[in-house]
C-alpha atoms as a PDB file:
ATOM      1  CA  MET A   1       0.000   0.000   0.000  1.00  0.00           C
ATOM      2  CA  ALA A   2       1.217   3.494  -0.799  1.00  0.00           C
ATOM      3  CA  HIS A   3       2.362   5.554   2.159  1.00  0.00           C
ATOM      4  CA  SER A   4       2.886   9.031   0.790  1.00  0.00           C
ATOM      5  CA  VAL A   5       0.143  11.407  -0.263  1.00  0.00           C
ATOM      6  CA  SER A   6       1.559  11.725  -3.760  1.00  0.00           C
ATOM      7  CA  ALA A   7       1.709   7.937  -4.182  1.00  0.00           C
ATOM      8  CA  ARG A   8      -1.933   7.627  -3.138  1.00  0.00           C
ATOM      9  CA  LYS A   9      -2.888  10.367  -5.577  1.00  0.00           C
ATOM     10  CA  ARG A  10      -0.978   8.618  -8.362  1.00  0.00           C
ATOM     11  CA  ILE A  11      -2.907   5.413  -7.654  1.00  0.00           C
ATOM     12  CA  ARG A  12      -6.221   7.296  -7.850  1.00  0.00           C
ATOM     13  CA  GLN A  13      -5.174   8.922 -11.127  1.00  0.00           C
ATOM     14  CA  SER A  14      -4.074   5.651 -12.680  1.00  0.00           C
ATOM     15  CA  GLU A  15      -7.364   3.981 -11.708  1.00  0.00           C
ATOM     16  CA  LYS A  16      -9.352   6.759 -13.407  1.00  0.00           C
ATOM     17  CA  LYS A  17      -7.175   6.543 -16.498  1.00  0.00           C
ATOM     18  CA  GLN A  18      -7.579   2.753 -16.581  1.00  0.00           C
ATOM     19  CA  ILE A  19     -11.369   3.061 -16.588  1.00  0.00           C
ATOM     20  CA  TYR A  20     -11.215   5.703 -19.333  1.00  0.00           C
ATOM     21  CA  ASN A  21      -8.834   3.661 -21.492  1.00  0.00           C
ATOM     22  CA  ARG A  22     -10.880   0.490 -21.041  1.00  0.00           C
ATOM     23  CA  ALA A  23     -14.027   2.290 -22.211  1.00  0.00           C
ATOM     24  CA  ILE A  24     -12.327   3.532 -25.370  1.00  0.00           C
ATOM     25  CA  LYS A  25     -10.867   0.097 -26.137  1.00  0.00           C
ATOM     26  CA  ARG A  26     -14.286  -1.504 -25.607  1.00  0.00           C
ATOM     27  CA  GLU A  27     -15.877   1.005 -27.975  1.00  0.00           C
ATOM     28  CA  ILE A  28     -13.266   0.218 -30.631  1.00  0.00           C
ATOM     29  CA  ALA A  29     -13.905  -3.511 -30.221  1.00  0.00           C
ATOM     30  CA  THR A  30     -17.643  -2.935 -30.640  1.00  0.00           C
ATOM     31  CA  LEU A  31     -17.067  -0.921 -33.814  1.00  0.00           C
ATOM     32  CA  ILE A  32     -14.843  -3.666 -35.225  1.00  0.00           C
ATOM     33  CA  LYS A  33     -17.538  -6.252 -34.508  1.00  0.00           C
ATOM     34  CA  GLY A  34     -20.000  -4.042 -36.382  1.00  0.00           C
ATOM     35  CA  LEU A  35     -17.598  -3.949 -39.315  1.00  0.00           C
ATOM     36  CA  ASP A  36     -17.388  -7.741 -39.221  1.00  0.00           C
ATOM     37  CA  THR A  37     -21.160  -8.044 -39.455  1.00  0.00           C
ATOM     38  CA  GLN A  38     -21.172  -5.731 -42.480  1.00  0.00           C
ATOM     39  CA  LEU A  39     -18.455  -7.846 -44.105  1.00  0.00           C
ATOM     40  CA  GLU A  40     -20.477 -11.015 -43.475  1.00  0.00           C
ATOM     41  CA  LYS A  41     -23.502  -9.407 -45.129  1.00  0.00           C
ATOM     42  CA  LYS A  42     -21.290  -8.574 -48.142  1.00  0.00           C
ATOM     43  CA  ASP A  43     -22.491  -4.965 -47.948  1.00  0.00           C
ATOM     44  CA  GLY A  44     -19.521  -3.075 -49.396  1.00  0.00           C
ATOM     45  CA  GLU A  45     -20.762   0.482 -48.994  1.00  0.00           C
ATOM     46  CA  GLU A  46     -21.829   0.043 -45.375  1.00  0.00           C
ATOM     47  CA  ALA A  47     -18.599  -1.824 -44.633  1.00  0.00           C
ATOM     48  CA  ARG A  48     -16.566   1.108 -45.965  1.00  0.00           C
ATOM     49  CA  LYS A  49     -18.502   3.516 -43.748  1.00  0.00           C
ATOM     50  CA  ALA A  50     -17.976   1.261 -40.740  1.00  0.00           C
ATOM     51  CA  LEU A  51     -14.276   0.978 -41.556  1.00  0.00           C
ATOM     52  CA  ASN A  52     -13.890   4.752 -41.766  1.00  0.00           C
ATOM     53  CA  ILE A  53     -15.486   5.099 -38.333  1.00  0.00           C
ATOM     54  CA  CYS A  54     -13.174   2.404 -36.923  1.00  0.00           C
ATOM     55  CA  VAL A  55     -10.085   4.026 -38.400  1.00  0.00           C
ATOM     56  CA  SER A  56     -11.116   7.413 -37.049  1.00  0.00           C
ATOM     57  CA  LYS A  57     -11.656   6.019 -33.564  1.00  0.00           C
ATOM     58  CA  LEU A  58      -8.306   4.194 -33.682  1.00  0.00           C
ATOM     59  CA  ASP A  59      -6.527   7.400 -34.706  1.00  0.00           C
ATOM     60  CA  LYS A  60      -8.163   9.305 -31.851  1.00  0.00           C
ATOM     61  CA  ALA A  61      -7.144   6.581 -29.388  1.00  0.00           C
ATOM     62  CA  GLN A  62      -3.560   6.863 -30.632  1.00  0.00           C
ATOM     63  CA  LYS A  63      -3.612  10.636 -30.320  1.00  0.00           C
ATOM     64  CA  LYS A  64      -4.897  10.438 -26.743  1.00  0.00           C
ATOM     65  CA  GLY A  65      -2.282   7.857 -25.785  1.00  0.00           C
ATOM     66  CA  VAL A  66      -4.682   4.972 -25.252  1.00  0.00           C
ATOM     67  CA  LEU A  67      -3.052   2.794 -27.921  1.00  0.00           C
ATOM     68  CA  HIS A  68       0.497   2.728 -29.265  1.00  0.00           C
ATOM     69  CA  LYS A  69       1.011   3.983 -32.805  1.00  0.00           C
ATOM     70  CA  ASN A  70       2.268   0.603 -34.058  1.00  0.00           C
ATOM     71  CA  THR A  71      -0.733  -1.179 -32.562  1.00  0.00           C
ATOM     72  CA  VAL A  72      -3.026   1.246 -34.359  1.00  0.00           C
ATOM     73  CA  ALA A  73      -1.136   0.803 -37.626  1.00  0.00           C
ATOM     74  CA  ASN A  74      -1.375  -2.992 -37.358  1.00  0.00           C
ATOM     75  CA  ARG A  75      -5.095  -2.918 -36.620  1.00  0.00           C
ATOM     76  CA  LYS A  76      -5.851  -0.487 -39.447  1.00  0.00           C
ATOM     77  CA  SER A  77      -3.845  -2.582 -41.880  1.00  0.00           C
ATOM     78  CA  SER A  78      -5.647  -5.727 -40.778  1.00  0.00           C
ATOM     79  CA  LEU A  79      -9.065  -4.094 -41.144  1.00  0.00           C
ATOM     80  CA  TRP A  80      -8.285  -2.760 -44.627  1.00  0.00           C
ATOM     81  CA  ARG A  81      -6.989  -6.165 -45.680  1.00  0.00           C
ATOM     82  CA  ARG A  82     -10.171  -7.864 -44.443  1.00  0.00           C
ATOM     83  CA  LEU A  83     -12.313  -5.344 -46.285  1.00  0.00           C
ATOM     84  CA  ASN A  84     -10.386  -5.734 -49.534  1.00  0.00           C
ATOM     85  CA  THR A  85     -10.503  -9.525 -49.455  1.00  0.00           C
ATOM     86  CA  ALA A  86     -14.225  -9.500 -48.680  1.00  0.00           C
ATOM     87  CA  LEU A  87     -14.910  -7.125 -51.572  1.00  0.00           C
ATOM     88  CA  ALA A  88     -12.718  -9.170 -53.906  1.00  0.00           C
ATOM     89  CA  GLU A  89     -14.722 -12.305 -53.113  1.00  0.00           C
ATOM     90  CA  ALA A  90     -18.040 -10.541 -53.722  1.00  0.00           C
END
């Protein structure tokens, strides 16, 4: 357990930040699942819209420090690749 006042404050701050970061990550996961459903329906136009929303949210998470820039780049690349393969099959 932390003994100093500043250590206790740091613990409180990190707990708040953890809740905030978890909410943003959960929202991104939900958006990606929505994109997956659009890809399963073979709806190209709606899938592109969903992908643009996902990419925007990922970029904002990177800017706010929730996700590392390489993690964001990998996820965006993966999402684009899934979209392109799904559209190629259709």
